[in-house]
Amino acid sequence: GFRNAIIASFIALLGANVTGYGTWENFGVNGLLGTILPIGTTYLFYMLSFHRIPRQLFVYIFVCAFFPAALSIALK
């Protein structure tokens, strides 16, 4: 779910900063742009497609995977 994805991504971001992969000055920006924005975008598309569009595999693949991923990469 949404909360578990946020928690897991922040643990991964914290681990990356502890090992020296990222800088502590950019922790907040990386947290917002690297975790919150993509997870929020994909979850928004998922909820809209779950309630508004028929449940089919290809609809899920294109609407819940490709479009939100491209949008989050473009926004980031």
N, C-alpha and C. Protein backbone atom coordinates (compact mmCIF):
# COMPACT_ATOMS: atom_id res chain seq x y z
N GLY A 1 0.81 -1.19 0.00
CA GLY A 1 0.00 0.00 0.00
C GLY A 1 0.85 1.26 0.00
N PHE A 2 0.18 2.35 0.07
CA PHE A 2 0.83 3.66 0.01
C PHE A 2 1.77 3.87 1.19
N ARG A 3 1.30 3.58 2.39
CA ARG A 3 2.12 3.83 3.59
C ARG A 3 3.35 2.93 3.63
N ASN A 4 3.19 1.68 3.28
CA ASN A 4 4.35 0.77 3.28
C ASN A 4 5.37 1.17 2.22
N ALA A 5 4.90 1.66 1.08
CA ALA A 5 5.84 2.12 0.05
C ALA A 5 6.62 3.34 0.53
N ILE A 6 5.96 4.25 1.21
CA ILE A 6 6.64 5.44 1.74
C ILE A 6 7.68 5.02 2.78
N ILE A 7 7.31 4.14 3.68
CA ILE A 7 8.24 3.70 4.73
C ILE A 7 9.44 2.97 4.13
N ALA A 8 9.18 2.06 3.19
CA ALA A 8 10.27 1.30 2.57
C ALA A 8 11.21 2.20 1.78
N SER A 9 10.65 3.17 1.07
CA SER A 9 11.51 4.06 0.28
C SER A 9 12.35 4.98 1.18
N PHE A 10 11.80 5.41 2.29
CA PHE A 10 12.60 6.24 3.19
C PHE A 10 13.67 5.43 3.90
N ILE A 11 13.41 4.17 4.17
CA ILE A 11 14.46 3.32 4.74
C ILE A 11 15.58 3.12 3.72
N ALA A 12 15.21 2.91 2.45
CA ALA A 12 16.23 2.77 1.41
C ALA A 12 17.00 4.07 1.22
N LEU A 13 16.32 5.20 1.27
CA LEU A 13 16.99 6.49 1.13
C LEU A 13 17.92 6.74 2.32
N LEU A 14 17.49 6.38 3.50
CA LEU A 14 18.33 6.53 4.68
C LEU A 14 19.56 5.63 4.58
N GLY A 15 19.37 4.40 4.12
CA GLY A 15 20.51 3.50 3.94
C GLY A 15 21.49 4.00 2.90
N ALA A 16 20.96 4.60 1.83
CA ALA A 16 21.85 5.16 0.80
C ALA A 16 22.66 6.33 1.35
N ASN A 17 22.05 7.14 2.19
CA ASN A 17 22.78 8.27 2.76
C ASN A 17 23.79 7.81 3.80
N VAL A 18 23.46 6.79 4.56
CA VAL A 18 24.39 6.29 5.57
C VAL A 18 25.63 5.69 4.91
N THR A 19 25.46 4.99 3.80
CA THR A 19 26.60 4.36 3.12
C THR A 19 27.40 5.33 2.27
N GLY A 20 26.93 6.56 2.14
CA GLY A 20 27.69 7.56 1.40
C GLY A 20 27.26 7.75 -0.03
N TYR A 21 26.19 7.12 -0.44
CA TYR A 21 25.72 7.27 -1.82
C TYR A 21 25.11 8.65 -2.06
N GLY A 22 24.42 9.18 -1.08
CA GLY A 22 23.81 10.51 -1.20
C GLY A 22 24.38 11.44 -0.14
N THR A 23 24.01 12.71 -0.26
CA THR A 23 24.46 13.68 0.73
C THR A 23 23.31 14.02 1.66
N TRP A 24 23.64 14.36 2.89
CA TRP A 24 22.61 14.68 3.87
C TRP A 24 21.94 16.01 3.57
N GLU A 25 22.62 16.89 2.85
CA GLU A 25 22.01 18.18 2.51
C GLU A 25 20.84 18.00 1.55
N ASN A 26 20.90 16.96 0.73
CA ASN A 26 19.84 16.71 -0.25
C ASN A 26 18.84 15.66 0.20
N PHE A 27 18.87 15.29 1.46
CA PHE A 27 17.99 14.22 1.95
C PHE A 27 16.51 14.60 1.78
N GLY A 28 16.15 15.81 2.11
CA GLY A 28 14.75 16.24 2.00
C GLY A 28 14.28 16.33 0.56
N VAL A 29 15.13 16.89 -0.29
CA VAL A 29 14.77 17.02 -1.70
C VAL A 29 14.67 15.64 -2.34
N ASN A 30 15.63 14.77 -2.03
CA ASN A 30 15.56 13.40 -2.56
C ASN A 30 14.35 12.66 -2.01
N GLY A 31 13.99 12.95 -0.77
CA GLY A 31 12.81 12.31 -0.19
C GLY A 31 11.53 12.75 -0.88
N LEU A 32 11.43 14.04 -1.17
CA LEU A 32 10.22 14.53 -1.83
C LEU A 32 10.17 14.16 -3.31
N LEU A 33 11.25 14.41 -4.02
CA LEU A 33 11.24 14.18 -5.47
C LEU A 33 11.52 12.73 -5.84
N GLY A 34 12.22 12.01 -4.99
CA GLY A 34 12.58 10.64 -5.33
C GLY A 34 11.66 9.59 -4.75
N THR A 35 10.89 9.94 -3.70
CA THR A 35 10.01 8.94 -3.10
C THR A 35 8.55 9.38 -3.08
N ILE A 36 8.27 10.53 -2.52
CA ILE A 36 6.88 10.96 -2.35
C ILE A 36 6.21 11.22 -3.70
N LEU A 37 6.87 11.94 -4.58
CA LEU A 37 6.26 12.28 -5.88
C LEU A 37 5.98 11.05 -6.74
N PRO A 38 6.93 10.14 -6.95
CA PRO A 38 6.60 8.96 -7.77
C PRO A 38 5.56 8.05 -7.12
N ILE A 39 5.65 7.85 -5.81
CA ILE A 39 4.68 6.98 -5.15
C ILE A 39 3.30 7.62 -5.18
N GLY A 40 3.23 8.91 -4.93
CA GLY A 40 1.94 9.60 -4.98
C GLY A 40 1.33 9.60 -6.37
N THR A 41 2.15 9.79 -7.38
CA THR A 41 1.65 9.80 -8.76
C THR A 41 1.12 8.43 -9.16
N THR A 42 1.89 7.39 -8.88
CA THR A 42 1.44 6.05 -9.26
C THR A 42 0.22 5.63 -8.46
N TYR A 43 0.15 6.00 -7.19
CA TYR A 43 -1.02 5.65 -6.39
C TYR A 43 -2.27 6.40 -6.85
N LEU A 44 -2.10 7.65 -7.25
CA LEU A 44 -3.23 8.42 -7.78
C LEU A 44 -3.77 7.78 -9.05
N PHE A 45 -2.88 7.40 -9.96
CA PHE A 45 -3.31 6.73 -11.19
C PHE A 45 -3.96 5.39 -10.88
N TYR A 46 -3.42 4.67 -9.91
CA TYR A 46 -4.00 3.39 -9.54
C TYR A 46 -5.41 3.57 -9.00
N MET A 47 -5.60 4.52 -8.11
CA MET A 47 -6.93 4.72 -7.53
C MET A 47 -7.94 5.20 -8.57
N LEU A 48 -7.52 6.09 -9.45
CA LEU A 48 -8.43 6.54 -10.50
C LEU A 48 -8.80 5.40 -11.45
N SER A 49 -7.82 4.59 -11.82
CA SER A 49 -8.12 3.49 -12.74
C SER A 49 -8.92 2.39 -12.05
N PHE A 50 -8.71 2.18 -10.76
CA PHE A 50 -9.43 1.15 -10.04
C PHE A 50 -10.92 1.48 -9.95
N HIS A 51 -11.23 2.76 -9.78
CA HIS A 51 -12.62 3.15 -9.61
C HIS A 51 -13.32 3.56 -10.90
N ARG A 52 -12.60 3.92 -11.93
CA ARG A 52 -13.21 4.49 -13.12
C ARG A 52 -13.10 3.64 -14.39
N ILE A 53 -12.07 2.81 -14.47
CA ILE A 53 -11.79 2.09 -15.72
C ILE A 53 -12.04 0.59 -15.48
N PRO A 54 -12.50 -0.14 -16.50
CA PRO A 54 -12.70 -1.59 -16.32
C PRO A 54 -11.41 -2.31 -15.93
N ARG A 55 -11.56 -3.33 -15.12
CA ARG A 55 -10.40 -4.07 -14.61
C ARG A 55 -9.93 -5.11 -15.62
N GLN A 56 -8.88 -4.76 -16.35
CA GLN A 56 -8.27 -5.65 -17.31
C GLN A 56 -6.75 -5.54 -17.16
N LEU A 57 -6.07 -6.57 -17.58
CA LEU A 57 -4.61 -6.61 -17.41
C LEU A 57 -3.92 -5.51 -18.20
N PHE A 58 -4.29 -5.33 -19.46
CA PHE A 58 -3.61 -4.34 -20.28
C PHE A 58 -3.94 -2.92 -19.83
N VAL A 59 -5.13 -2.70 -19.33
CA VAL A 59 -5.47 -1.38 -18.77
C VAL A 59 -4.58 -1.11 -17.57
N TYR A 60 -4.41 -2.11 -16.72
CA TYR A 60 -3.55 -1.94 -15.55
C TYR A 60 -2.10 -1.68 -15.96
N ILE A 61 -1.61 -2.42 -16.95
CA ILE A 61 -0.22 -2.27 -17.36
C ILE A 61 0.04 -0.88 -17.93
N PHE A 62 -0.84 -0.42 -18.81
CA PHE A 62 -0.60 0.86 -19.45
C PHE A 62 -0.97 2.04 -18.56
N VAL A 63 -2.12 1.98 -17.91
CA VAL A 63 -2.58 3.13 -17.12
C VAL A 63 -1.88 3.21 -15.77
N CYS A 64 -1.61 2.08 -15.14
CA CYS A 64 -1.03 2.11 -13.80
C CYS A 64 0.49 1.94 -13.78
N ALA A 65 1.09 1.60 -14.91
CA ALA A 65 2.53 1.38 -14.91
C ALA A 65 3.25 2.36 -15.82
N PHE A 66 2.93 2.37 -17.10
CA PHE A 66 3.69 3.18 -18.06
C PHE A 66 3.44 4.68 -17.92
N PHE A 67 2.19 5.08 -17.87
CA PHE A 67 1.89 6.51 -17.81
C PHE A 67 2.35 7.17 -16.52
N PRO A 68 2.09 6.60 -15.35
CA PRO A 68 2.60 7.24 -14.13
C PRO A 68 4.12 7.24 -14.04
N ALA A 69 4.76 6.18 -14.55
CA ALA A 69 6.22 6.15 -14.52
C ALA A 69 6.81 7.25 -15.39
N ALA A 70 6.26 7.41 -16.59
CA ALA A 70 6.74 8.49 -17.48
C ALA A 70 6.47 9.86 -16.87
N LEU A 71 5.31 10.03 -16.26
CA LEU A 71 4.98 11.31 -15.64
C LEU A 71 5.88 11.61 -14.46
N SER A 72 6.15 10.61 -13.61
CA SER A 72 7.03 10.88 -12.47
C SER A 72 8.46 11.15 -12.89
N ILE A 73 8.93 10.49 -13.95
CA ILE A 73 10.27 10.78 -14.45
C ILE A 73 10.33 12.19 -15.01
N ALA A 74 9.29 12.59 -15.73
CA ALA A 74 9.25 13.95 -16.29
C ALA A 74 9.17 15.01 -15.20
N LEU A 75 8.40 14.75 -14.15
CA LEU A 75 8.29 15.72 -13.05
C LEU A 75 9.56 15.80 -12.23
N LYS A 76 10.24 14.69 -12.09
CA LYS A 76 11.47 14.68 -11.29
C LYS A 76 12.58 15.41 -11.98
